[in-house]
Amino acid sequence: MKDEYDFSKMKSRKNPYASKLKKPVTIRLDEDVITYFKAMAEDTGVPYQSLINLYLRDCTAQHRTIDISWRGKP
C-alpha cells in the first residue's frame, strides 16, 4: 500500500446509485403499528424502518390498493 495516492488524475463520474437513494420523510403512524414492526424487527434482526419500507415496496410491486368506504348515517 502506498503512503499517498494521487487523486488529481482521476476522472469523476456520476453515482450510479443516486437514483436509488432513499428519501427521508416524516410520517405519522399509530403506536400499535410501530410496536408491531419493532417486534418483527427483533425477531428478524432487520431494522423496523427497513421492514416498513419492504412492506410498502411489496404493496407497490403487487399494485395493492385499499378500499376505504366511509359509511354515511343510515
C-alpha atoms as a PDB file:
ATOM      1  CA  MET A   1       0.000   0.000   0.000  1.00  0.00           C
ATOM      2  CA  LYS A   2       1.239   3.452  -0.848  1.00  0.00           C
ATOM      3  CA  ASP A   3       1.669   6.134   1.773  1.00  0.00           C
ATOM      4  CA  GLU A   4      -0.085   8.630  -0.509  1.00  0.00           C
ATOM      5  CA  TYR A   5      -2.330   8.407  -3.537  1.00  0.00           C
ATOM      6  CA  ASP A   6      -2.683  11.000  -6.299  1.00  0.00           C
ATOM      7  CA  PHE A   7      -6.389  11.501  -6.991  1.00  0.00           C
ATOM      8  CA  SER A   8      -5.880  14.581  -9.178  1.00  0.00           C
ATOM      9  CA  LYS A   9      -5.789  12.497 -12.362  1.00  0.00           C
ATOM     10  CA  MET A  10      -8.950  10.546 -11.617  1.00  0.00           C
ATOM     11  CA  LYS A  11     -11.992  11.163 -13.771  1.00  0.00           C
ATOM     12  CA  SER A  12     -15.179  11.934 -11.884  1.00  0.00           C
ATOM     13  CA  ARG A  13     -18.412  10.160 -12.705  1.00  0.00           C
ATOM     14  CA  LYS A  14     -21.982  10.247 -11.526  1.00  0.00           C
ATOM     15  CA  ASN A  15     -23.017   7.993  -8.692  1.00  0.00           C
ATOM     16  CA  PRO A  16     -24.878   5.081 -10.366  1.00  0.00           C
ATOM     17  CA  TYR A  17     -26.863   4.529  -7.180  1.00  0.00           C
ATOM     18  CA  ALA A  18     -28.024   8.129  -6.777  1.00  0.00           C
ATOM     19  CA  SER A  19     -31.441   7.382  -8.269  1.00  0.00           C
ATOM     20  CA  LYS A  20     -31.953   4.565  -5.774  1.00  0.00           C
ATOM     21  CA  LEU A  21     -31.195   6.596  -2.660  1.00  0.00           C
ATOM     22  CA  LYS A  22     -33.916   6.734  -0.062  1.00  0.00           C
ATOM     23  CA  LYS A  23     -35.711   9.960   0.625  1.00  0.00           C
ATOM     24  CA  PRO A  24     -36.294  10.902   4.261  1.00  0.00           C
ATOM     25  CA  VAL A  25     -39.932  11.629   5.068  1.00  0.00           C
ATOM     26  CA  THR A  26     -41.954  12.312   8.172  1.00  0.00           C
ATOM     27  CA  ILE A  27     -44.941  10.037   8.606  1.00  0.00           C
ATOM     28  CA  ARG A  28     -47.359   9.705  11.488  1.00  0.00           C
ATOM     29  CA  LEU A  29     -48.021   6.085  12.453  1.00  0.00           C
ATOM     30  CA  ASP A  30     -50.188   4.618  15.178  1.00  0.00           C
ATOM     31  CA  GLU A  31     -48.318   3.331  18.216  1.00  0.00           C
ATOM     32  CA  ASP A  32     -49.555  -0.242  17.702  1.00  0.00           C
ATOM     33  CA  VAL A  33     -48.190  -0.230  14.129  1.00  0.00           C
ATOM     34  CA  ILE A  34     -44.761   0.842  15.364  1.00  0.00           C
ATOM     35  CA  THR A  35     -44.869  -1.744  18.137  1.00  0.00           C
ATOM     36  CA  TYR A  36     -45.770  -4.458  15.611  1.00  0.00           C
ATOM     37  CA  PHE A  37     -42.870  -3.643  13.294  1.00  0.00           C
ATOM     38  CA  LYS A  38     -40.410  -3.210  16.176  1.00  0.00           C
ATOM     39  CA  ALA A  39     -41.328  -6.673  17.477  1.00  0.00           C
ATOM     40  CA  MET A  40     -40.862  -8.090  13.987  1.00  0.00           C
ATOM     41  CA  ALA A  41     -37.522  -6.281  13.786  1.00  0.00           C
ATOM     42  CA  GLU A  42     -36.328  -8.003  16.952  1.00  0.00           C
ATOM     43  CA  ASP A  43     -37.361 -11.403  15.570  1.00  0.00           C
ATOM     44  CA  THR A  44     -35.742 -10.898  12.166  1.00  0.00           C
ATOM     45  CA  GLY A  45     -32.766  -8.690  13.011  1.00  0.00           C
ATOM     46  CA  VAL A  46     -33.872  -6.186  10.349  1.00  0.00           C
ATOM     47  CA  PRO A  47     -34.423  -2.553  11.447  1.00  0.00           C
ATOM     48  CA  TYR A  48     -38.109  -1.735  11.800  1.00  0.00           C
ATOM     49  CA  GLN A  49     -37.946   1.187   9.371  1.00  0.00           C
ATOM     50  CA  SER A  50     -36.486  -1.162   6.759  1.00  0.00           C
ATOM     51  CA  LEU A  51     -39.318  -3.623   7.403  1.00  0.00           C
ATOM     52  CA  ILE A  52     -41.904  -0.891   6.886  1.00  0.00           C
ATOM     53  CA  ASN A  53     -40.136   0.100   3.665  1.00  0.00           C
ATOM     54  CA  LEU A  54     -40.065  -3.535   2.494  1.00  0.00           C
ATOM     55  CA  TYR A  55     -43.780  -3.914   3.197  1.00  0.00           C
ATOM     56  CA  LEU A  56     -44.636  -0.732   1.316  1.00  0.00           C
ATOM     57  CA  ARG A  57     -42.357  -1.770  -1.552  1.00  0.00           C
ATOM     58  CA  ASP A  58     -44.213  -5.094  -1.745  1.00  0.00           C
ATOM     59  CA  CYS A  59     -47.521  -3.219  -1.855  1.00  0.00           C
ATOM     60  CA  THR A  60     -46.311  -1.141  -4.790  1.00  0.00           C
ATOM     61  CA  ALA A  61     -44.868  -4.152  -6.612  1.00  0.00           C
ATOM     62  CA  GLN A  62     -48.160  -6.038  -6.242  1.00  0.00           C
ATOM     63  CA  HIS A  63     -50.215  -2.925  -7.100  1.00  0.00           C
ATOM     64  CA  ARG A  64     -52.221  -3.373  -3.932  1.00  0.00           C
ATOM     65  CA  THR A  65     -54.945  -0.869  -3.264  1.00  0.00           C
ATOM     66  CA  ILE A  66     -57.040  -0.210  -0.216  1.00  0.00           C
ATOM     67  CA  ASP A  67     -60.809   0.019  -0.253  1.00  0.00           C
ATOM     68  CA  ILE A  68     -61.832   2.808   2.074  1.00  0.00           C
ATOM     69  CA  SER A  69     -65.546   3.308   2.210  1.00  0.00           C
ATOM     70  CA  TRP A  70     -66.988   5.878   4.541  1.00  0.00           C
ATOM     71  CA  ARG A  71     -70.384   4.936   5.796  1.00  0.00           C
ATOM     72  CA  GLY A  72     -72.906   7.713   5.967  1.00  0.00           C
ATOM     73  CA  LYS A  73     -75.650   7.967   8.512  1.00  0.00           C
ATOM     74  CA  PRO A  74     -78.468   5.438   7.970  1.00  0.00           C
END
